[in-house]
């Protein structure tokens, strides 16, 4: 298949697909195009939503038709994105500094840590060591507002999703699925394997920006003891 692949998602949206794998170079092209559009929006541009290997661009069809009256809105936007995507760079550097995320891996907060260690045939300490040894790229925000999809984890701790999702995963839960790791921003159902919890608040609709993370950021997990977690969580609760 030839990439980038550009197609209409609806009468209000066009998607640019740069590939079909989890790859930092492909994701940098996604973020590069997102940043281009933020700096130099075309008439009718509303917003863009990055995913692992694609960018979906939302627009106002009426405004687009006013600027390009001879085309359908989707066709006009598709041509714009085709031209812009030529300048999307797989070498684009990440402007943000590494975001340090404190995580408590105490088993009272890590419902699946023992299971992960057993599945991976390593010790619990090894799971924590391997999880904190890497920096991770925020490939996208999705599933629910504020949920960062981070990758990639060490292959030694690659684990499947749960066969039976939990009905409620506590906010701040740090979890694994495949070679991805993520953080639940709210108490919601979920099927990833929970190995720890952060006291950080990832989503707040009353502040700007609403979410802690943005696609293209770099994250490192730092282990903290249970007492520190409790103190930081209490502080966050009192200031939320």
Protein backbone atom coordinates (compact mmCIF):
# COMPACT_ATOMS: atom_id res chain seq x y z
CA UNK A 1 0.00 0.00 0.00
CA UNK A 2 1.25 3.46 -0.87
CA UNK A 3 1.72 5.96 1.95
CA UNK A 4 0.69 8.53 2.88
CA UNK A 5 -2.87 7.39 2.27
CA UNK A 6 -5.41 10.21 2.38
CA UNK A 7 -9.12 9.55 2.62
CA UNK A 8 -12.35 11.23 3.74
CA UNK A 9 -13.50 10.01 7.14
CA UNK A 10 -16.74 12.03 6.96
CA UNK A 11 -17.99 15.22 5.36
CA UNK A 12 -16.19 17.08 8.18
CA UNK A 13 -12.93 15.11 8.42
CA UNK A 14 -10.04 13.78 6.33
CA UNK A 15 -7.42 11.31 7.57
CA UNK A 16 -3.76 11.17 6.54
CA UNK A 17 -2.27 7.73 7.18
CA UNK A 18 1.53 7.53 7.16
CA UNK A 19 1.84 3.80 7.90
CA UNK A 20 0.38 0.91 9.84
CA UNK A 21 2.95 0.18 12.56
CA UNK A 22 4.01 1.56 15.93
CA UNK A 23 7.13 3.42 14.85
CA UNK A 24 8.62 6.64 16.30
CA UNK A 25 9.63 7.94 12.85
CA UNK A 26 6.10 7.52 11.50
CA UNK A 27 4.64 9.13 14.61
CA UNK A 28 7.04 12.08 14.25
CA UNK A 29 5.62 12.65 10.77
CA UNK A 30 2.12 12.66 12.28
CA UNK A 31 3.18 15.21 14.90
CA UNK A 32 5.08 17.25 12.31
CA UNK A 33 1.93 17.61 10.19
CA UNK A 34 -0.14 18.40 13.29
CA UNK A 35 2.29 21.19 14.21
CA UNK A 36 2.30 22.54 10.65
CA UNK A 37 -1.48 22.87 10.70
CA UNK A 38 -1.43 24.52 14.12
CA UNK A 39 1.08 27.13 12.91
CA UNK A 40 -0.49 27.69 9.49
CA UNK A 41 -4.14 26.59 9.45
CA UNK A 42 -6.01 26.57 6.15
CA UNK A 43 -9.40 28.32 5.83
CA UNK A 44 -11.99 26.20 7.63
CA UNK A 45 -9.49 24.21 9.72
CA UNK A 46 -10.89 23.30 13.15
CA UNK A 47 -8.57 20.77 14.80
CA UNK A 48 -6.39 17.74 14.19
CA UNK A 49 -6.23 14.52 16.20
CA UNK A 50 -3.04 12.43 16.06
CA UNK A 51 -2.95 8.65 16.39
CA UNK A 52 -0.03 6.21 16.20
CA UNK A 53 0.40 6.45 12.45
CA UNK A 54 -2.30 8.86 11.24
CA UNK A 55 -3.69 12.35 11.65
CA UNK A 56 -7.38 13.11 11.32
CA UNK A 57 -8.14 16.70 10.35
CA UNK A 58 -11.52 18.27 11.12
CA UNK A 59 -12.82 21.27 9.17
CA UNK A 60 -15.85 23.41 8.42
CA UNK A 61 -17.08 22.36 4.94
CA UNK A 62 -18.81 25.69 4.32
CA UNK A 63 -15.63 27.71 4.94
CA UNK A 64 -13.56 25.32 2.82
CA UNK A 65 -16.04 25.62 -0.06
CA UNK A 66 -15.90 29.41 0.20
CA UNK A 67 -12.11 29.28 -0.23
CA UNK A 68 -12.17 26.59 -2.96
CA UNK A 69 -15.59 26.84 -4.64
CA UNK A 70 -14.81 24.42 -7.46
CA UNK A 71 -14.24 21.37 -5.24
CA UNK A 72 -16.01 19.34 -2.63
CA UNK A 73 -14.70 20.25 0.80
CA UNK A 74 -13.14 16.83 1.38
CA UNK A 75 -11.37 16.89 -1.99
CA UNK A 76 -9.99 20.37 -1.35
CA UNK A 77 -8.75 19.45 2.12
CA UNK A 78 -7.28 16.20 0.78
CA UNK A 79 -5.21 18.13 -1.74
CA UNK A 80 -4.02 20.54 0.96
CA UNK A 81 -2.98 17.66 3.20
CA UNK A 82 -1.27 15.84 0.36
CA UNK A 83 0.88 18.90 -0.26
CA UNK A 84 1.52 19.54 3.45
CA UNK A 85 2.41 15.91 4.16
CA UNK A 86 5.43 16.17 1.85
CA UNK A 87 7.03 18.37 4.49
CA UNK A 88 6.21 16.08 7.41
CA UNK A 89 9.54 15.02 8.83
CA UNK A 90 10.38 11.66 10.47
CA UNK A 91 13.37 13.41 12.04
CA UNK A 92 11.41 16.12 13.85
CA UNK A 93 12.78 16.56 17.35
CA UNK A 94 10.53 16.54 20.38
CA UNK A 95 10.46 20.04 21.80
CA UNK A 96 9.30 19.07 25.28
CA UNK A 97 11.65 17.98 28.06
CA UNK A 98 11.22 14.51 29.52
CA UNK A 99 8.20 14.40 31.83
CA UNK A 100 8.95 12.51 35.04
CA UNK A 101 5.98 10.48 36.26
CA UNK A 102 6.17 9.23 39.87
CA UNK A 103 4.74 5.73 40.24
CA UNK A 104 4.19 3.60 43.32
CA UNK A 105 4.61 -0.08 42.48
CA UNK A 106 3.47 -1.27 45.91
CA UNK A 107 1.30 -4.34 45.40
CA UNK A 108 -1.58 -2.74 47.32
CA UNK A 109 -1.87 -0.39 44.32
CA UNK A 110 -0.77 -2.84 41.64
CA UNK A 111 -3.48 -5.44 41.20
CA UNK A 112 -1.74 -7.32 38.37
CA UNK A 113 1.96 -6.87 39.17
CA UNK A 114 2.40 -10.39 40.50
CA UNK A 115 0.52 -11.84 37.52
CA UNK A 116 2.72 -9.89 35.08
CA UNK A 117 5.89 -11.13 36.79
CA UNK A 118 4.65 -14.72 36.65
CA UNK A 119 3.60 -14.44 32.99
CA UNK A 120 6.94 -12.88 32.04
CA UNK A 121 8.85 -15.38 34.19
CA UNK A 122 10.73 -12.64 36.01
CA UNK A 123 10.61 -11.24 39.53
CA UNK A 124 8.33 -8.39 40.61
CA UNK A 125 11.46 -6.29 41.09
CA UNK A 126 12.49 -7.05 37.51
CA UNK A 127 9.12 -5.85 36.19
CA UNK A 128 9.59 -2.53 38.01
CA UNK A 129 13.21 -2.23 36.90
CA UNK A 130 12.38 -2.93 33.25
CA UNK A 131 9.39 -0.58 33.28
CA UNK A 132 11.37 2.32 34.73
CA UNK A 133 14.55 1.75 32.69
CA UNK A 134 13.16 3.27 29.49
CA UNK A 135 11.84 6.58 28.29
CA UNK A 136 8.52 6.37 26.45
CA UNK A 137 6.98 8.33 23.62
CA UNK A 138 3.41 9.54 23.94
CA UNK A 139 2.10 8.25 20.63
CA UNK A 140 -1.47 9.41 21.08
CA UNK A 141 -4.20 10.36 23.54
CA UNK A 142 -7.32 8.23 23.26
CA UNK A 143 -9.79 5.72 24.67
CA UNK A 144 -10.97 8.36 27.17
CA UNK A 145 -9.83 12.01 27.61
CA UNK A 146 -6.30 12.12 28.98
CA UNK A 147 -5.32 8.45 28.47
CA UNK A 148 -1.75 8.41 27.04
CA UNK A 149 -0.66 5.52 24.85
CA UNK A 150 3.06 5.13 25.55
CA UNK A 151 5.60 2.92 23.88
CA UNK A 152 7.37 0.78 23.58
CA UNK A 153 8.04 -1.38 26.61
CA UNK A 154 10.85 -3.88 27.03
CA UNK A 155 9.85 -7.10 25.20
CA UNK A 156 10.55 -9.05 28.40
CA UNK A 157 7.40 -7.57 29.97
CA UNK A 158 5.13 -7.78 26.93
CA UNK A 159 1.80 -9.10 28.20
CA UNK A 160 -1.71 -9.60 26.78
CA UNK A 161 -4.79 -7.68 27.83
CA UNK A 162 -7.05 -9.27 30.42
CA UNK A 163 -9.51 -11.85 29.13
CA UNK A 164 -12.11 -10.30 31.46
CA UNK A 165 -11.77 -6.48 31.80
CA UNK A 166 -12.04 -4.98 35.26
CA UNK A 167 -15.29 -3.09 35.89
CA UNK A 168 -13.40 -0.16 37.45
CA UNK A 169 -9.69 0.66 37.29
CA UNK A 170 -8.61 3.39 39.78
CA UNK A 171 -7.52 6.76 38.43
CA UNK A 172 -3.76 7.00 38.05
CA UNK A 173 -3.31 3.27 37.45
CA UNK A 174 -0.24 2.52 35.33
CA UNK A 175 -0.78 -0.52 33.15
CA UNK A 176 0.62 -2.73 30.39
CA UNK A 177 -0.89 -4.22 27.24
CA UNK A 178 1.22 -5.74 24.50
CA UNK A 179 4.28 -3.51 24.22
CA UNK A 180 2.34 -0.45 25.29
CA UNK A 181 2.05 1.17 28.68
CA UNK A 182 -0.57 3.71 29.70
CA UNK A 183 -2.15 5.57 32.60
CA UNK A 184 -5.85 5.55 33.45
CA UNK A 185 -6.95 9.18 33.98
CA UNK A 186 -10.22 8.31 35.75
CA UNK A 187 -11.89 5.35 37.48
CA UNK A 188 -13.20 3.50 34.43
CA UNK A 189 -13.49 -0.07 33.13
CA UNK A 190 -10.33 -1.40 31.52
CA UNK A 191 -8.51 -4.50 30.36
CA UNK A 192 -4.84 -3.57 30.74
CA UNK A 193 -2.61 -5.19 33.38
CA UNK A 194 -2.17 -2.75 36.31
CA UNK A 195 1.38 -2.67 37.74
CA UNK A 196 1.37 0.60 39.73
CA UNK A 197 -0.27 3.95 40.34
CA UNK A 198 0.72 7.59 40.00
CA UNK A 199 -0.61 10.42 42.18
CA UNK A 200 -0.64 12.76 39.16
CA UNK A 201 -4.00 13.97 37.88
CA UNK A 202 -4.10 13.46 34.12
CA UNK A 203 -7.37 15.16 33.18
CA UNK A 204 -9.08 18.28 34.51
CA UNK A 205 -11.81 19.92 32.38
CA UNK A 206 -11.57 23.07 34.51
CA UNK A 207 -8.01 23.90 33.51
CA UNK A 208 -6.14 24.62 30.30
CA UNK A 209 -4.78 22.41 28.87
CA UNK A 210 -7.27 19.76 29.99
CA UNK A 211 -4.76 16.92 29.86
CA UNK A 212 -1.29 16.42 31.32
CA UNK A 213 0.11 14.73 28.23
CA UNK A 214 0.16 15.53 24.54
CA UNK A 215 1.18 13.35 21.62
CA UNK A 216 4.90 13.73 20.93
CA UNK A 217 5.96 14.11 24.56
CA UNK A 218 8.58 11.88 26.21
CA UNK A 219 7.87 10.23 29.57
CA UNK A 220 9.96 8.47 32.19
CA UNK A 221 8.50 6.57 35.15
CA UNK A 222 10.17 7.08 38.54
CA UNK A 223 9.43 4.65 41.41
CA UNK A 224 8.24 6.12 44.71
CA UNK A 225 7.40 4.42 48.03
CA UNK A 226 3.84 4.02 49.25
CA UNK A 227 4.13 6.78 51.87
CA UNK A 228 5.29 9.29 49.25
CA UNK A 229 2.44 8.25 46.98
CA UNK A 230 -0.10 8.77 49.78
CA UNK A 231 1.29 12.23 50.58
CA UNK A 232 1.33 13.33 46.94
CA UNK A 233 -2.16 11.92 46.30
CA UNK A 234 -3.54 13.73 49.38
CA UNK A 235 -2.00 16.99 48.18
CA UNK A 236 -3.42 16.52 44.66
CA UNK A 237 -6.88 15.78 46.09
CA UNK A 238 -6.83 18.92 48.25
CA UNK A 239 -5.90 21.11 45.26
CA UNK A 240 -8.21 19.61 42.65
